[in-house]
Amino acid sequence: MEKILKELEKLQEEAKLAIGKAKSDVELNDVKAQYLGRKSKYQEVMQLMRGLSVDDKKKLGMAGNEYKMKVEAEVEKKVLELEKQKIKEKLAKETIDVTLPAPKLSKGSIHPLMQVKEEFEDICIEMGYEVEEGPDVEWDKYNFEMLNVPKDHPARDMQDTFYITSETLLRSHTSPVQVRTMLKKKGKPFKIICPGSAYRRDNDDATHSHQFSQIEGLVVGKDITMADLKGTLTTIFTKLFGKEMNIRFRPSFFPFTEPSVEVDVSCYKCGGKGCPLCKHTGWIELLGAGMVHPNVLEM
């Protein structure tokens, strides 16, 4: 009997070693069948129970059950170990190599209109100006009447306007912001610029659009002269275009300024010599300007 029990103990040690060496589920199943299956060495040992006494049968039965429990426990332990190994291998396979160079991303850039607007604002802010804004949908009285352009004024024919109702419209210039600011300041001195969109019934082409960007400036205070206007515009355009750009002022007419001027700069393409871009004049028109008309200030 002792020999049989020792054989069972030896078999248990062999099973433990074999289970530990299994590297896959298939190998583990083969080992399990070898040490617990119907044709296993374990079953061969248990078959010896037939020729034993009742007491020895009990001893062998208890030893056999213990063997089976311990071997099955080793198998379960190995199953968990193999599962962990599978997960580890899968993670290693799917791991992103963070040392690889990232794909190149295209960088965004500022739209040319926004770039000019921001540069213009920065220059004016350095000169003590504040930035004011107003609504795109405007009252007729702010867009025309309070700018010295009454309903029967012929100057209204100069601007084809998008009317929404008889009293509201899409502003045809940013000048209404000047009116709103003067009303808000109530006679106090100020320096502002008004960047924004304007709308007119133009046919869209290379140089015209029904919606366009505009920047206006306004200074209200004591002893402001035409020399202040010319000096301010010269400073702004010198900073924008460089000292090599020539600037000229031409007399003109606008209902809301008196006197009024047109401001031109020398053509950047031909340097003032004349080309198709400047219509062979050597100059490019930039803006209209002038001293605020007394009628506008009185309103």
C-alpha atoms as a PDB file:
ATOM      1  CA  MET A   1       0.000   0.000   0.000  1.00  0.00           C
ATOM      2  CA  GLU A   2       2.823   2.392   0.872  1.00  0.00           C
ATOM      3  CA  LYS A   3       4.310   1.790  -2.559  1.00  0.00           C
ATOM      4  CA  ILE A   4       1.034   2.783  -4.248  1.00  0.00           C
ATOM      5  CA  LEU A   5       0.730   5.973  -2.199  1.00  0.00           C
ATOM      6  CA  LYS A   6       4.326   6.930  -3.004  1.00  0.00           C
ATOM      7  CA  GLU A   7       3.590   6.298  -6.684  1.00  0.00           C
ATOM      8  CA  LEU A   8       0.628   8.682  -6.425  1.00  0.00           C
ATOM      9  CA  GLU A   9       2.776  11.348  -4.716  1.00  0.00           C
ATOM     10  CA  LYS A  10       5.424  10.983  -7.420  1.00  0.00           C
ATOM     11  CA  LEU A  11       2.758  11.294 -10.098  1.00  0.00           C
ATOM     12  CA  GLN A  12       1.454  14.477  -8.462  1.00  0.00           C
ATOM     13  CA  GLU A  13       4.925  16.068  -8.566  1.00  0.00           C
ATOM     14  CA  GLU A  14       5.302  15.110 -12.227  1.00  0.00           C
ATOM     15  CA  ALA A  15       1.892  16.627 -13.008  1.00  0.00           C
ATOM     16  CA  LYS A  16       2.824  19.866 -11.233  1.00  0.00           C
ATOM     17  CA  LEU A  17       6.061  20.173 -13.220  1.00  0.00           C
ATOM     18  CA  ALA A  18       4.351  19.333 -16.526  1.00  0.00           C
ATOM     19  CA  ILE A  19       1.581  21.865 -15.884  1.00  0.00           C
ATOM     20  CA  GLY A  20       4.165  24.541 -15.067  1.00  0.00           C
ATOM     21  CA  LYS A  21       5.958  23.944 -18.378  1.00  0.00           C
ATOM     22  CA  ALA A  22       2.792  24.239 -20.503  1.00  0.00           C
ATOM     23  CA  LYS A  23       3.073  27.317 -22.781  1.00  0.00           C
ATOM     24  CA  SER A  24      -0.383  27.281 -24.352  1.00  0.00           C
ATOM     25  CA  ASP A  25      -3.944  26.140 -23.802  1.00  0.00           C
ATOM     26  CA  VAL A  26      -3.361  23.188 -26.114  1.00  0.00           C
ATOM     27  CA  GLU A  27      -0.317  22.010 -24.180  1.00  0.00           C
ATOM     28  CA  LEU A  28      -2.172  22.464 -20.887  1.00  0.00           C
ATOM     29  CA  ASN A  29      -5.107  20.380 -22.100  1.00  0.00           C
ATOM     30  CA  ASP A  30      -2.705  17.633 -23.169  1.00  0.00           C
ATOM     31  CA  VAL A  31      -1.060  17.656 -19.727  1.00  0.00           C
ATOM     32  CA  LYS A  32      -4.444  17.566 -18.007  1.00  0.00           C
ATOM     33  CA  ALA A  33      -5.509  14.578 -20.083  1.00  0.00           C
ATOM     34  CA  GLN A  34      -2.180  12.868 -19.334  1.00  0.00           C
ATOM     35  CA  TYR A  35      -2.553  13.198 -15.552  1.00  0.00           C
ATOM     36  CA  LEU A  36      -6.349  13.275 -15.031  1.00  0.00           C
ATOM     37  CA  GLY A  37      -7.912  11.738 -18.129  1.00  0.00           C
ATOM     38  CA  ARG A  38      -9.519   8.313 -18.505  1.00  0.00           C
ATOM     39  CA  LYS A  39      -6.323   6.804 -19.865  1.00  0.00           C
ATOM     40  CA  SER A  40      -4.029   8.679 -17.499  1.00  0.00           C
ATOM     41  CA  LYS A  41      -1.479   7.209 -15.116  1.00  0.00           C
ATOM     42  CA  TYR A  42      -3.732   8.423 -12.300  1.00  0.00           C
ATOM     43  CA  GLN A  43      -6.528   6.135 -13.462  1.00  0.00           C
ATOM     44  CA  GLU A  44      -4.078   3.236 -13.708  1.00  0.00           C
ATOM     45  CA  VAL A  45      -3.099   3.731 -10.062  1.00  0.00           C
ATOM     46  CA  MET A  46      -6.727   3.996  -8.941  1.00  0.00           C
ATOM     47  CA  GLN A  47      -7.523   0.717 -10.712  1.00  0.00           C
ATOM     48  CA  LEU A  48      -5.315  -1.012  -8.135  1.00  0.00           C
ATOM     49  CA  MET A  49      -8.020  -0.313  -5.526  1.00  0.00           C
ATOM     50  CA  ARG A  50      -9.882  -3.479  -6.561  1.00  0.00           C
ATOM     51  CA  GLY A  51      -7.381  -5.825  -4.913  1.00  0.00           C
ATOM     52  CA  LEU A  52      -7.012  -3.880  -1.669  1.00  0.00           C
ATOM     53  CA  SER A  53      -8.581  -4.346   1.739  1.00  0.00           C
ATOM     54  CA  VAL A  54     -11.369  -2.087   2.915  1.00  0.00           C
ATOM     55  CA  ASP A  55      -9.012   0.077   5.008  1.00  0.00           C
ATOM     56  CA  ASP A  56      -6.483   0.391   2.192  1.00  0.00           C
ATOM     57  CA  LYS A  57      -9.261   1.276  -0.234  1.00  0.00           C
ATOM     58  CA  LYS A  58     -10.222   4.174   2.052  1.00  0.00           C
ATOM     59  CA  LYS A  59      -6.624   5.340   2.252  1.00  0.00           C
ATOM     60  CA  LEU A  60      -6.158   5.167  -1.521  1.00  0.00           C
ATOM     61  CA  GLY A  61      -9.517   6.853  -2.134  1.00  0.00           C
ATOM     62  CA  MET A  62      -8.598   9.770   0.119  1.00  0.00           C
ATOM     63  CA  ALA A  63      -5.149  10.049  -1.465  1.00  0.00           C
ATOM     64  CA  GLY A  64      -6.681   9.901  -4.950  1.00  0.00           C
ATOM     65  CA  ASN A  65      -9.170  12.680  -4.178  1.00  0.00           C
ATOM     66  CA  GLU A  66      -6.390  14.832  -2.737  1.00  0.00           C
ATOM     67  CA  TYR A  67      -4.277  14.214  -5.847  1.00  0.00           C
ATOM     68  CA  LYS A  68      -7.140  15.157  -8.131  1.00  0.00           C
ATOM     69  CA  MET A  69      -7.941  18.363  -6.195  1.00  0.00           C
ATOM     70  CA  LYS A  70      -4.309  19.512  -6.153  1.00  0.00           C
ATOM     71  CA  VAL A  71      -3.728  18.778  -9.846  1.00  0.00           C
ATOM     72  CA  GLU A  72      -6.967  20.556 -10.842  1.00  0.00           C
ATOM     73  CA  ALA A  73      -5.930  23.532  -8.695  1.00  0.00           C
ATOM     74  CA  GLU A  74      -2.590  23.682 -10.520  1.00  0.00           C
ATOM     75  CA  VAL A  75      -4.445  23.534 -13.842  1.00  0.00           C
ATOM     76  CA  GLU A  76      -6.737  26.437 -12.852  1.00  0.00           C
ATOM     77  CA  LYS A  77      -3.742  28.424 -11.686  1.00  0.00           C
ATOM     78  CA  LYS A  78      -2.036  27.838 -15.033  1.00  0.00           C
ATOM     79  CA  VAL A  79      -5.172  28.827 -16.951  1.00  0.00           C
ATOM     80  CA  LEU A  80      -5.157  32.243 -15.232  1.00  0.00           C
ATOM     81  CA  GLU A  81      -1.440  32.606 -15.874  1.00  0.00           C
ATOM     82  CA  LEU A  82      -1.907  31.897 -19.590  1.00  0.00           C
ATOM     83  CA  GLU A  83      -4.810  34.382 -19.792  1.00  0.00           C
ATOM     84  CA  LYS A  84      -2.657  37.112 -18.266  1.00  0.00           C
ATOM     85  CA  GLN A  85       0.103  36.270 -20.716  1.00  0.00           C
ATOM     86  CA  LYS A  86      -2.320  36.553 -23.642  1.00  0.00           C
ATOM     87  CA  ILE A  87      -3.478  39.992 -22.472  1.00  0.00           C
ATOM     88  CA  LYS A  88       0.101  41.127 -21.990  1.00  0.00           C
ATOM     89  CA  GLU A  89       1.078  39.989 -25.490  1.00  0.00           C
ATOM     90  CA  LYS A  90      -1.990  41.653 -27.004  1.00  0.00           C
ATOM     91  CA  LEU A  91      -1.238  44.940 -25.280  1.00  0.00           C
ATOM     92  CA  ALA A  92       2.375  44.774 -26.387  1.00  0.00           C
ATOM     93  CA  LYS A  93       1.258  44.139 -29.953  1.00  0.00           C
ATOM     94  CA  GLU A  94      -1.240  47.013 -29.950  1.00  0.00           C
ATOM     95  CA  THR A  95       0.931  49.520 -28.092  1.00  0.00           C
ATOM     96  CA  ILE A  96       1.447  52.768 -30.002  1.00  0.00           C
ATOM     97  CA  ASP A  97       5.076  53.650 -30.440  1.00  0.00           C
ATOM     98  CA  VAL A  98       5.135  57.219 -29.146  1.00  0.00           C
ATOM     99  CA  THR A  99       8.689  57.645 -30.381  1.00  0.00           C
ATOM    100  CA  LEU A 100       7.509  57.586 -33.993  1.00  0.00           C
ATOM    101  CA  PRO A 101       7.294  61.035 -35.633  1.00  0.00           C
ATOM    102  CA  ALA A 102       3.757  62.414 -35.699  1.00  0.00           C
ATOM    103  CA  PRO A 103       2.138  63.179 -39.059  1.00  0.00           C
ATOM    104  CA  LYS A 104       2.660  66.738 -40.186  1.00  0.00           C
ATOM    105  CA  LEU A 105      -0.300  69.013 -39.491  1.00  0.00           C
ATOM    106  CA  SER A 106      -0.978  72.009 -41.654  1.00  0.00           C
ATOM    107  CA  LYS A 107      -0.865  75.252 -39.699  1.00  0.00           C
ATOM    108  CA  GLY A 108      -3.673  77.738 -39.934  1.00  0.00           C
ATOM    109  CA  SER A 109      -3.043  81.320 -40.923  1.00  0.00           C
ATOM    110  CA  ILE A 110      -4.770  84.664 -40.535  1.00  0.00           C
ATOM    111  CA  HIS A 111      -6.937  85.777 -43.445  1.00  0.00           C
ATOM    112  CA  PRO A 112      -5.360  88.739 -45.287  1.00  0.00           C
ATOM    113  CA  LEU A 113      -8.345  90.969 -44.473  1.00  0.00           C
ATOM    114  CA  MET A 114      -8.115  90.130 -40.781  1.00  0.00           C
ATOM    115  CA  GLN A 115      -4.351  90.640 -40.851  1.00  0.00           C
ATOM    116  CA  VAL A 116      -4.691  94.148 -42.302  1.00  0.00           C
ATOM    117  CA  LYS A 117      -7.523  94.943 -39.877  1.00  0.00           C
ATOM    118  CA  GLU A 118      -5.476  93.831 -36.859  1.00  0.00           C
ATOM    119  CA  GLU A 119      -2.369  95.715 -38.025  1.00  0.00           C
ATOM    120  CA  PHE A 120      -4.429  98.863 -38.579  1.00  0.00           C
ATOM    121  CA  GLU A 121      -6.063  98.531 -35.152  1.00  0.00           C
ATOM    122  CA  ASP A 122      -2.700  98.013 -33.431  1.00  0.00           C
ATOM    123  CA  ILE A 123      -1.257 101.149 -35.043  1.00  0.00           C
ATOM    124  CA  CYS A 124      -4.272 103.255 -34.080  1.00  0.00           C
ATOM    125  CA  ILE A 125      -4.403 101.913 -30.527  1.00  0.00           C
ATOM    126  CA  GLU A 126      -0.741 102.911 -30.127  1.00  0.00           C
ATOM    127  CA  MET A 127      -1.807 106.408 -31.191  1.00  0.00           C
ATOM    128  CA  GLY A 128      -4.470 106.570 -28.488  1.00  0.00           C
ATOM    129  CA  TYR A 129      -7.537 105.484 -30.457  1.00  0.00           C
ATOM    130  CA  GLU A 130     -10.312 103.248 -29.139  1.00  0.00           C
ATOM    131  CA  VAL A 131     -12.060 100.586 -31.250  1.00  0.00           C
ATOM    132  CA  GLU A 132     -15.837 100.991 -31.574  1.00  0.00           C
ATOM    133  CA  GLU A 133     -18.284  98.652 -33.308  1.00  0.00           C
ATOM    134  CA  GLY A 134     -21.929  98.876 -34.345  1.00  0.00           C
ATOM    135  CA  PRO A 135     -24.739  96.771 -35.856  1.00  0.00           C
ATOM    136  CA  ASP A 136     -24.699  95.697 -39.494  1.00  0.00           C
ATOM    137  CA  VAL A 137     -28.476  96.212 -39.689  1.00  0.00           C
ATOM    138  CA  GLU A 138     -28.815  99.944 -39.154  1.00  0.00           C
ATOM    139  CA  TRP A 139     -31.410 102.712 -38.943  1.00  0.00           C
ATOM    140  CA  ASP A 140     -31.718 104.986 -41.960  1.00  0.00           C
ATOM    141  CA  LYS A 141     -31.309 108.051 -39.739  1.00  0.00           C
ATOM    142  CA  TYR A 142     -27.889 106.858 -38.511  1.00  0.00           C
ATOM    143  CA  ASN A 143     -26.722 105.709 -41.947  1.00  0.00           C
ATOM    144  CA  PHE A 144     -27.858 108.844 -43.819  1.00  0.00           C
ATOM    145  CA  GLU A 145     -29.871 111.580 -42.110  1.00  0.00           C
ATOM    146  CA  MET A 146     -27.561 112.264 -39.160  1.00  0.00           C
ATOM    147  CA  LEU A 147     -24.599 112.269 -41.567  1.00  0.00           C
ATOM    148  CA  ASN A 148     -25.993 115.290 -43.426  1.00  0.00           C
ATOM    149  CA  VAL A 149     -27.672 113.136 -46.083  1.00  0.00           C
ATOM    150  CA  PRO A 150     -31.450 113.798 -45.819  1.00  0.00           C
ATOM    151  CA  LYS A 151     -33.989 111.737 -47.749  1.00  0.00           C
ATOM    152  CA  ASP A 152     -34.109 114.208 -50.661  1.00  0.00           C
ATOM    153  CA  HIS A 153     -30.333 114.681 -50.848  1.00  0.00           C
ATOM    154  CA  PRO A 154     -28.882 113.813 -54.315  1.00  0.00           C
ATOM    155  CA  ALA A 155     -25.894 112.168 -52.644  1.00  0.00           C
ATOM    156  CA  ARG A 156     -28.116 109.182 -51.814  1.00  0.00           C
ATOM    157  CA  ASP A 157     -27.919 108.234 -55.475  1.00  0.00           C
ATOM    158  CA  MET A 158     -24.205 107.644 -54.944  1.00  0.00           C
ATOM    159  CA  GLN A 159     -24.887 104.603 -52.760  1.00  0.00           C
ATOM    160  CA  ASP A 160     -27.158 101.760 -53.816  1.00  0.00           C
ATOM    161  CA  THR A 161     -28.399 100.475 -50.499  1.00  0.00           C
ATOM    162  CA  PHE A 162     -29.921  97.188 -49.282  1.00  0.00           C
ATOM    163  CA  TYR A 163     -33.123  98.350 -47.590  1.00  0.00           C
ATOM    164  CA  ILE A 164     -34.924  95.959 -45.230  1.00  0.00           C
ATOM    165  CA  THR A 165     -37.781  98.349 -44.443  1.00  0.00           C
ATOM    166  CA  SER A 166     -38.235 102.032 -45.195  1.00  0.00           C
ATOM    167  CA  GLU A 167     -36.343 102.854 -41.989  1.00  0.00           C
ATOM    168  CA  THR A 168     -33.860  99.959 -41.668  1.00  0.00           C
ATOM    169  CA  LEU A 169     -31.078  98.791 -43.961  1.00  0.00           C
ATOM    170  CA  LEU A 170     -27.752  97.005 -44.209  1.00  0.00           C
ATOM    171  CA  ARG A 171     -25.314  99.803 -43.449  1.00  0.00           C
ATOM    172  CA  SER A 172     -23.640 101.106 -46.601  1.00  0.00           C
ATOM    173  CA  HIS A 173     -20.575 102.267 -44.635  1.00  0.00           C
ATOM    174  CA  THR A 174     -19.292 102.130 -41.056  1.00  0.00           C
ATOM    175  CA  SER A 175     -20.013 105.846 -40.510  1.00  0.00           C
ATOM    176  CA  PRO A 176     -23.152 105.115 -38.410  1.00  0.00           C
ATOM    177  CA  VAL A 177     -20.778 103.948 -35.668  1.00  0.00           C
ATOM    178  CA  GLN A 178     -19.390 107.487 -35.576  1.00  0.00           C
ATOM    179  CA  VAL A 179     -22.897 108.878 -35.087  1.00  0.00           C
ATOM    180  CA  ARG A 180     -23.667 106.406 -32.310  1.00  0.00           C
ATOM    181  CA  THR A 181     -20.378 107.237 -30.575  1.00  0.00           C
ATOM    182  CA  MET A 182     -20.970 110.993 -30.742  1.00  0.00           C
ATOM    183  CA  LEU A 183     -24.418 110.510 -29.198  1.00  0.00           C
ATOM    184  CA  LYS A 184     -22.945 108.285 -26.496  1.00  0.00           C
ATOM    185  CA  LYS A 185     -20.079 110.663 -25.647  1.00  0.00           C
ATOM    186  CA  LYS A 186     -22.450 113.681 -25.447  1.00  0.00           C
ATOM    187  CA  GLY A 187     -19.941 116.314 -26.534  1.00  0.00           C
ATOM    188  CA  LYS A 188     -16.897 114.874 -24.790  1.00  0.00           C
ATOM    189  CA  PRO A 189     -13.641 114.586 -26.817  1.00  0.00           C
ATOM    190  CA  PHE A 190     -12.670 111.149 -28.155  1.00  0.00           C
ATOM    191  CA  LYS A 191     -10.581 109.300 -30.747  1.00  0.00           C
ATOM    192  CA  ILE A 192     -12.039 106.141 -32.306  1.00  0.00           C
ATOM    193  CA  ILE A 193     -11.742 103.794 -35.250  1.00  0.00           C
ATOM    194  CA  CYS A 194     -14.689 101.750 -36.554  1.00  0.00           C
ATOM    195  CA  PRO A 195     -13.749  98.512 -38.358  1.00  0.00           C
ATOM    196  CA  GLY A 196     -16.515  96.379 -39.841  1.00  0.00           C
ATOM    197  CA  SER A 197     -18.477  95.210 -42.865  1.00  0.00           C
ATOM    198  CA  ALA A 198     -20.440  97.421 -45.248  1.00  0.00           C
ATOM    199  CA  TYR A 199     -23.014  96.440 -47.881  1.00  0.00           C
ATOM    200  CA  ARG A 200     -23.882  97.929 -51.275  1.00  0.00           C
ATOM    201  CA  ARG A 201     -25.651  96.772 -54.414  1.00  0.00           C
ATOM    202  CA  ASP A 202     -22.475  96.224 -56.424  1.00  0.00           C
ATOM    203  CA  ASN A 203     -22.009  93.497 -58.997  1.00  0.00           C
ATOM    204  CA  ASP A 204     -19.377  91.130 -57.661  1.00  0.00           C
ATOM    205  CA  ASP A 205     -16.156  91.082 -59.685  1.00  0.00           C
ATOM    206  CA  ALA A 206     -12.392  91.211 -59.090  1.00  0.00           C
ATOM    207  CA  THR A 207     -12.553  94.649 -57.450  1.00  0.00           C
ATOM    208  CA  HIS A 208     -16.161  94.915 -56.216  1.00  0.00           C
ATOM    209  CA  SER A 209     -18.337  93.013 -53.759  1.00  0.00           C
ATOM    210  CA  HIS A 210     -21.804  93.461 -52.278  1.00  0.00           C
ATOM    211  CA  GLN A 211     -20.117  93.007 -48.870  1.00  0.00           C
ATOM    212  CA  PHE A 212     -16.733  94.549 -48.107  1.00  0.00           C
ATOM    213  CA  SER A 213     -14.571  95.548 -45.152  1.00  0.00           C
ATOM    214  CA  GLN A 214     -14.150  99.156 -44.113  1.00  0.00           C
ATOM    215  CA  ILE A 215     -12.276 101.025 -41.381  1.00  0.00           C
ATOM    216  CA  GLU A 216     -13.167 104.572 -40.406  1.00  0.00           C
ATOM    217  CA  GLY A 217     -11.663 106.925 -37.879  1.00  0.00           C
ATOM    218  CA  LEU A 218     -13.049 109.921 -36.038  1.00  0.00           C
ATOM    219  CA  VAL A 219     -11.516 112.493 -33.705  1.00  0.00           C
ATOM    220  CA  VAL A 220     -13.675 114.982 -31.815  1.00  0.00           C
ATOM    221  CA  GLY A 221     -12.017 117.641 -29.680  1.00  0.00           C
ATOM    222  CA  LYS A 222     -10.873 121.236 -29.473  1.00  0.00           C
ATOM    223  CA  ASP A 223      -8.520 122.834 -32.009  1.00  0.00           C
ATOM    224  CA  ILE A 224      -8.468 119.800 -34.346  1.00  0.00           C
ATOM    225  CA  THR A 225      -7.223 120.917 -37.783  1.00  0.00           C
ATOM    226  CA  MET A 226      -6.631 119.520 -41.258  1.00  0.00           C
ATOM    227  CA  ALA A 227      -2.958 119.261 -40.329  1.00  0.00           C
ATOM    228  CA  ASP A 228      -3.892 116.750 -37.600  1.00  0.00           C
ATOM    229  CA  LEU A 229      -5.804 114.686 -40.160  1.00  0.00           C
ATOM    230  CA  LYS A 230      -2.946 114.686 -42.669  1.00  0.00           C
ATOM    231  CA  GLY A 231      -0.350 113.904 -40.011  1.00  0.00           C
ATOM    232  CA  THR A 232      -2.417 111.025 -38.619  1.00  0.00           C
ATOM    233  CA  LEU A 233      -3.045 109.411 -42.012  1.00  0.00           C
ATOM    234  CA  THR A 234       0.579 109.864 -43.068  1.00  0.00           C
ATOM    235  CA  THR A 235       1.761 108.164 -39.864  1.00  0.00           C
ATOM    236  CA  ILE A 236      -0.673 105.254 -40.266  1.00  0.00           C
ATOM    237  CA  PHE A 237       0.167 104.571 -43.908  1.00  0.00           C
ATOM    238  CA  THR A 238       3.900 104.944 -43.357  1.00  0.00           C
ATOM    239  CA  LYS A 239       3.694 102.234 -40.691  1.00  0.00           C
ATOM    240  CA  LEU A 240       1.485 100.058 -42.896  1.00  0.00           C
ATOM    241  CA  PHE A 241       3.310 100.399 -46.227  1.00  0.00           C
ATOM    242  CA  GLY A 242       6.774 101.695 -45.337  1.00  0.00           C
ATOM    243  CA  LYS A 243       8.545 105.018 -45.715  1.00  0.00           C
ATOM    244  CA  GLU A 244       9.261 104.446 -49.408  1.00  0.00           C
ATOM    245  CA  MET A 245       5.533 104.743 -50.231  1.00  0.00           C
ATOM    246  CA  ASN A 246       4.461 108.247 -51.335  1.00  0.00           C
ATOM    247  CA  ILE A 247       1.137 109.683 -50.142  1.00  0.00           C
ATOM    248  CA  ARG A 248      -0.952 112.454 -51.704  1.00  0.00           C
ATOM    249  CA  PHE A 249      -4.152 114.266 -50.740  1.00  0.00           C
ATOM    250  CA  ARG A 250      -6.653 115.435 -53.401  1.00  0.00           C
ATOM    251  CA  PRO A 251      -9.623 117.767 -52.848  1.00  0.00           C
ATOM    252  CA  SER A 252     -12.964 115.944 -53.008  1.00  0.00           C
ATOM    253  CA  PHE A 253     -16.562 116.081 -51.758  1.00  0.00           C
ATOM    254  CA  PHE A 254     -18.503 114.071 -49.173  1.00  0.00           C
ATOM    255  CA  PRO A 255     -21.781 115.193 -47.565  1.00  0.00           C
ATOM    256  CA  PHE A 256     -20.538 114.566 -44.032  1.00  0.00           C
ATOM    257  CA  THR A 257     -17.088 116.252 -44.251  1.00  0.00           C
ATOM    258  CA  GLU A 258     -15.970 119.790 -45.124  1.00  0.00           C
ATOM    259  CA  PRO A 259     -13.319 120.155 -46.416  1.00  0.00           C
ATOM    260  CA  SER A 260     -13.017 116.668 -47.955  1.00  0.00           C
ATOM    261  CA  VAL A 261     -10.046 114.879 -49.511  1.00  0.00           C
ATOM    262  CA  GLU A 262      -9.191 111.662 -51.322  1.00  0.00           C
ATOM    263  CA  VAL A 263      -6.018 109.902 -50.167  1.00  0.00           C
ATOM    264  CA  ASP A 264      -3.810 108.010 -52.644  1.00  0.00           C
ATOM    265  CA  VAL A 265      -0.543 106.091 -52.297  1.00  0.00           C
ATOM    266  CA  SER A 266       2.045 105.460 -54.974  1.00  0.00           C
ATOM    267  CA  CYS A 267       1.493 102.188 -56.832  1.00  0.00           C
ATOM    268  CA  TYR A 268       3.359  99.382 -55.088  1.00  0.00           C
ATOM    269  CA  LYS A 269       3.731  97.446 -58.338  1.00  0.00           C
ATOM    270  CA  CYS A 270       5.306 100.060 -60.596  1.00  0.00           C
ATOM    271  CA  GLY A 271       6.638 102.433 -57.940  1.00  0.00           C
ATOM    272  CA  GLY A 272       4.624 105.332 -59.340  1.00  0.00           C
ATOM    273  CA  LYS A 273       5.757 104.942 -62.947  1.00  0.00           C
ATOM    274  CA  GLY A 274       2.369 103.803 -64.248  1.00  0.00           C
ATOM    275  CA  CYS A 275       1.003 100.328 -64.991  1.00  0.00           C
ATOM    276  CA  PRO A 276      -2.339  98.561 -65.644  1.00  0.00           C
ATOM    277  CA  LEU A 277      -2.884  98.088 -61.889  1.00  0.00           C
ATOM    278  CA  CYS A 278      -2.905 101.844 -61.216  1.00  0.00           C
ATOM    279  CA  LYS A 279      -4.456 102.606 -64.618  1.00  0.00           C
ATOM    280  CA  HIS A 280      -1.161 104.179 -65.637  1.00  0.00           C
ATOM    281  CA  THR A 281      -1.577 107.014 -63.122  1.00  0.00           C
ATOM    282  CA  GLY A 282       1.126 105.869 -60.721  1.00  0.00           C
ATOM    283  CA  TRP A 283      -1.349 106.156 -57.821  1.00  0.00           C
ATOM    284  CA  ILE A 284      -3.822 103.878 -56.036  1.00  0.00           C
ATOM    285  CA  GLU A 285      -6.828 105.395 -54.271  1.00  0.00           C
ATOM    286  CA  LEU A 286      -7.121 104.272 -50.642  1.00  0.00           C
ATOM    287  CA  LEU A 287      -9.819 106.287 -48.930  1.00  0.00           C
ATOM    288  CA  GLY A 288     -11.829 109.427 -48.499  1.00  0.00           C
ATOM    289  CA  ALA A 289     -11.370 111.730 -45.520  1.00  0.00           C
ATOM    290  CA  GLY A 290     -12.064 115.206 -44.235  1.00  0.00           C
ATOM    291  CA  MET A 291     -13.056 117.400 -41.329  1.00  0.00           C
ATOM    292  CA  VAL A 292     -16.448 116.473 -39.874  1.00  0.00           C
ATOM    293  CA  HIS A 293     -19.159 118.712 -41.348  1.00  0.00           C
ATOM    294  CA  PRO A 294     -20.596 121.218 -38.827  1.00  0.00           C
ATOM    295  CA  ASN A 295     -24.113 119.953 -39.622  1.00  0.00           C
ATOM    296  CA  VAL A 296     -23.122 116.459 -38.439  1.00  0.00           C
ATOM    297  CA  LEU A 297     -21.671 117.798 -35.196  1.00  0.00           C
ATOM    298  CA  GLU A 298     -24.813 119.843 -34.527  1.00  0.00           C
ATOM    299  CA  MET A 299     -27.056 116.812 -34.923  1.00  0.00           C
END
